[in-house]
């Protein structure tokens, strides 16, 4: 196993064990430390991918070569964002600021929406990379659905980022947009239900 992969997996596994053990032995600080270790494992993996342009969490040196370059950079950014979020959460819990921060994000969800949008868009971008040819059946039943799902996730991620930025810059405009969106979705759902009922009765 590679040295960095050993460190990454060790930090995550030890952190998860610490979080579980803290629940049994009623040690809140143990949970915070475990969460910090999990975040540190992800952050280390993200930094490795960003600096080496290769996928982290690889057991073997030559594994995952098809994802070298741009996919590894996207993965590294996602892992680093997750790790930073977990480390920040551990710090807030340790300082007793977790509930205050969560309540603040409930009132102003812009940063959370933007971060979630980045992760969703990154996942969609990773699904878009298909560097190997596996035949016509693989293309029809795997590659095309993966590509369509990737496009859908990218669109959803960009929308989430846009909503997050809008909420941060202009909360009132964000409120109007989300209200109109929910009303539109509800109307469309009612229309589909109505047409389905009418079709069954006809």
Protein backbone atom coordinates (compact mmCIF):
# COMPACT_ATOMS: atom_id res chain seq x y z
CA UNK A 1 0.00 0.00 0.00
CA UNK A 2 1.17 3.52 -0.73
CA UNK A 3 2.31 5.63 2.22
CA UNK A 4 -0.15 8.48 1.64
CA UNK A 5 -3.03 6.06 1.14
CA UNK A 6 -2.06 4.38 4.42
CA UNK A 7 -2.17 7.75 6.23
CA UNK A 8 -5.48 8.73 4.63
CA UNK A 9 -7.25 5.47 5.41
CA UNK A 10 -5.74 5.27 8.89
CA UNK A 11 -6.95 8.75 9.80
CA UNK A 12 -10.47 8.03 8.54
CA UNK A 13 -10.76 4.57 10.12
CA UNK A 14 -9.32 5.67 13.48
CA UNK A 15 -11.60 8.73 13.41
CA UNK A 16 -14.71 6.65 12.74
CA UNK A 17 -13.76 4.20 15.50
CA UNK A 18 -13.20 7.11 17.87
CA UNK A 19 -16.58 8.61 17.02
CA UNK A 20 -18.35 5.30 17.63
CA UNK A 21 -16.45 4.63 20.86
CA UNK A 22 -17.20 8.10 22.17
CA UNK A 23 -20.91 7.34 21.96
CA UNK A 24 -20.53 4.19 24.04
CA UNK A 25 -18.28 5.79 26.67
CA UNK A 26 -20.02 9.19 26.66
CA UNK A 27 -16.94 11.19 25.64
CA UNK A 28 -18.05 14.21 23.59
CA UNK A 29 -14.47 15.36 23.06
CA UNK A 30 -13.63 11.93 21.68
CA UNK A 31 -16.34 12.41 19.06
CA UNK A 32 -14.90 15.81 18.14
CA UNK A 33 -11.41 14.35 17.82
CA UNK A 34 -12.70 11.48 15.71
CA UNK A 35 -14.54 13.86 13.42
CA UNK A 36 -11.37 15.94 13.11
CA UNK A 37 -9.36 12.84 12.11
CA UNK A 38 -11.91 11.87 9.46
CA UNK A 39 -11.75 15.39 8.07
CA UNK A 40 -7.96 15.33 8.17
CA UNK A 41 -7.96 12.08 6.18
CA UNK A 42 -10.16 13.58 3.48
CA UNK A 43 -8.18 16.84 3.45
CA UNK A 44 -4.90 14.94 3.08
CA UNK A 45 -6.37 12.96 0.19
CA UNK A 46 -7.57 16.16 -1.44
CA UNK A 47 -4.19 17.84 -1.11
CA UNK A 48 -2.46 14.77 -2.54
CA UNK A 49 -4.68 14.80 -5.63
CA UNK A 50 -4.25 18.54 -6.14
CA UNK A 51 -0.45 18.40 -5.92
CA UNK A 52 0.14 15.15 -7.82
CA UNK A 53 -2.81 15.35 -10.25
CA UNK A 54 -3.54 11.72 -9.49
CA UNK A 55 -6.42 10.14 -7.61
CA UNK A 56 -5.89 9.80 -3.87
CA UNK A 57 -6.93 6.82 -1.72
CA UNK A 58 -5.23 4.50 -4.23
CA UNK A 59 -3.83 1.28 -2.78
CA UNK A 60 -1.42 0.69 -5.68
CA UNK A 61 0.83 3.20 -7.40
CA UNK A 62 -0.47 2.50 -10.90
CA UNK A 63 -4.15 2.26 -9.96
CA UNK A 64 -6.65 4.75 -11.35
CA UNK A 65 -4.40 6.01 -14.14
CA UNK A 66 -7.43 6.71 -16.33
CA UNK A 67 -8.41 9.51 -13.95
CA UNK A 68 -5.09 11.36 -13.95
CA UNK A 69 -5.21 15.06 -14.71
CA UNK A 70 -8.49 16.99 -14.63
CA UNK A 71 -10.58 14.26 -12.92
CA UNK A 72 -8.00 13.98 -10.15
CA UNK A 73 -8.03 17.75 -9.66
CA UNK A 74 -11.83 17.75 -9.42
CA UNK A 75 -11.72 14.85 -6.96
CA UNK A 76 -9.01 16.60 -4.96
CA UNK A 77 -11.07 19.78 -4.68
CA UNK A 78 -14.12 17.79 -3.56
CA UNK A 79 -12.15 15.80 -0.96
CA UNK A 80 -10.48 18.96 0.36
CA UNK A 81 -13.85 20.71 0.66
CA UNK A 82 -15.33 17.74 2.54
CA UNK A 83 -12.30 17.53 4.80
CA UNK A 84 -12.35 21.25 5.56
CA UNK A 85 -16.06 21.04 6.35
CA UNK A 86 -15.55 18.14 8.76
CA UNK A 87 -12.58 19.80 10.45
CA UNK A 88 -14.55 23.03 10.79
CA UNK A 89 -17.49 21.10 12.24
CA UNK A 90 -15.22 19.44 14.81
CA UNK A 91 -13.84 22.84 15.83
CA UNK A 92 -17.33 24.35 16.17
CA UNK A 93 -18.48 21.42 18.31
CA UNK A 94 -15.42 21.67 20.53
CA UNK A 95 -15.96 25.41 21.05
CA UNK A 96 -19.69 25.02 21.65
CA UNK A 97 -20.60 27.00 18.52
CA UNK A 98 -22.22 24.19 16.52
CA UNK A 99 -25.87 24.98 17.23
CA UNK A 100 -25.32 28.70 16.71
CA UNK A 101 -23.68 28.05 13.36
CA UNK A 102 -26.41 25.64 12.25
CA UNK A 103 -29.11 28.13 13.22
CA UNK A 104 -27.26 30.81 11.27
CA UNK A 105 -27.09 28.58 8.21
CA UNK A 106 -30.78 27.84 8.51
CA UNK A 107 -31.47 31.56 8.37
CA UNK A 108 -28.85 32.29 5.69
CA UNK A 109 -28.23 29.04 3.75
CA UNK A 110 -26.16 30.65 0.99
CA UNK A 111 -22.74 29.20 1.93
CA UNK A 112 -24.22 25.74 2.46
CA UNK A 113 -26.03 25.83 -0.88
CA UNK A 114 -22.89 26.94 -2.70
CA UNK A 115 -20.76 24.23 -1.06
CA UNK A 116 -23.34 21.55 -1.83
CA UNK A 117 -23.56 22.83 -5.40
CA UNK A 118 -19.79 22.54 -5.82
CA UNK A 119 -19.82 18.94 -4.59
CA UNK A 120 -22.78 17.97 -6.80
CA UNK A 121 -21.26 19.62 -9.86
CA UNK A 122 -17.93 17.93 -9.16
CA UNK A 123 -19.59 14.53 -8.91
CA UNK A 124 -21.36 15.17 -12.21
CA UNK A 125 -18.12 16.22 -13.86
CA UNK A 126 -16.42 13.01 -12.72
CA UNK A 127 -19.23 10.97 -14.29
CA UNK A 128 -18.61 12.77 -17.59
CA UNK A 129 -15.09 11.39 -17.99
CA UNK A 130 -15.07 8.24 -20.14
CA UNK A 131 -11.56 7.67 -21.45
CA UNK A 132 -11.79 3.98 -22.35
CA UNK A 133 -13.75 2.21 -25.09
CA UNK A 134 -15.61 -0.87 -23.86
CA UNK A 135 -17.82 -1.65 -26.84
CA UNK A 136 -21.22 -0.65 -28.14
CA UNK A 137 -23.26 -2.28 -25.36
CA UNK A 138 -21.17 -0.60 -22.67
CA UNK A 139 -21.71 2.72 -24.45
CA UNK A 140 -25.48 2.24 -24.69
CA UNK A 141 -26.17 0.93 -21.20
CA UNK A 142 -23.41 2.52 -19.11
CA UNK A 143 -21.64 5.40 -20.78
CA UNK A 144 -24.68 7.26 -22.12
CA UNK A 145 -26.67 6.98 -18.84
CA UNK A 146 -23.57 8.08 -16.91
CA UNK A 147 -23.13 11.06 -19.19
CA UNK A 148 -26.78 12.08 -18.89
CA UNK A 149 -26.65 11.72 -15.10
CA UNK A 150 -23.44 13.74 -15.06
CA UNK A 151 -25.05 16.55 -17.06
CA UNK A 152 -28.04 16.54 -14.72
CA UNK A 153 -25.80 16.74 -11.65
CA UNK A 154 -23.71 19.52 -13.17
CA UNK A 155 -26.86 21.52 -13.93
CA UNK A 156 -28.15 20.94 -10.39
CA UNK A 157 -24.78 21.89 -8.93
CA UNK A 158 -24.55 25.10 -10.95
CA UNK A 159 -28.09 25.97 -9.88
CA UNK A 160 -27.14 25.36 -6.25
CA UNK A 161 -24.07 27.58 -6.57
CA UNK A 162 -26.13 30.29 -8.22
CA UNK A 163 -28.78 30.15 -5.50
CA UNK A 164 -26.11 30.26 -2.81
CA UNK A 165 -24.48 33.34 -4.31
CA UNK A 166 -27.87 34.99 -4.81
CA UNK A 167 -28.86 34.31 -1.19
CA UNK A 168 -25.57 35.75 0.05
CA UNK A 169 -25.80 38.88 -2.12
CA UNK A 170 -29.56 39.53 -2.07
CA UNK A 171 -31.60 37.46 0.43
CA UNK A 172 -34.87 39.08 -0.65
CA UNK A 173 -34.37 38.14 -4.30
CA UNK A 174 -33.43 34.62 -3.19
CA UNK A 175 -36.68 34.39 -1.25
CA UNK A 176 -38.71 35.47 -4.28
CA UNK A 177 -36.93 33.03 -6.60
CA UNK A 178 -37.32 30.05 -4.29
CA UNK A 179 -40.96 30.87 -3.60
CA UNK A 180 -41.72 31.08 -7.31
CA UNK A 181 -39.82 27.85 -7.95
CA UNK A 182 -41.74 25.94 -5.29
CA UNK A 183 -45.03 27.31 -6.53
CA UNK A 184 -44.14 26.29 -10.08
CA UNK A 185 -43.14 22.79 -9.02
CA UNK A 186 -46.30 22.37 -6.96
CA UNK A 187 -48.44 23.52 -9.88
CA UNK A 188 -46.70 21.17 -12.26
CA UNK A 189 -47.15 18.27 -9.84
CA UNK A 190 -50.85 19.05 -9.47
CA UNK A 191 -51.23 19.26 -13.25
CA UNK A 192 -49.54 15.88 -13.74
CA UNK A 193 -51.71 14.29 -11.05
CA UNK A 194 -54.86 15.81 -12.54
CA UNK A 195 -54.05 14.62 -16.06
CA UNK A 196 -53.26 11.15 -14.74
CA UNK A 197 -56.62 10.94 -12.95
CA UNK A 198 -58.48 12.24 -16.00
CA UNK A 199 -56.67 9.74 -18.22
CA UNK A 200 -57.70 6.84 -15.98
CA UNK A 201 -61.31 7.98 -15.84
CA UNK A 202 -61.59 8.57 -19.60
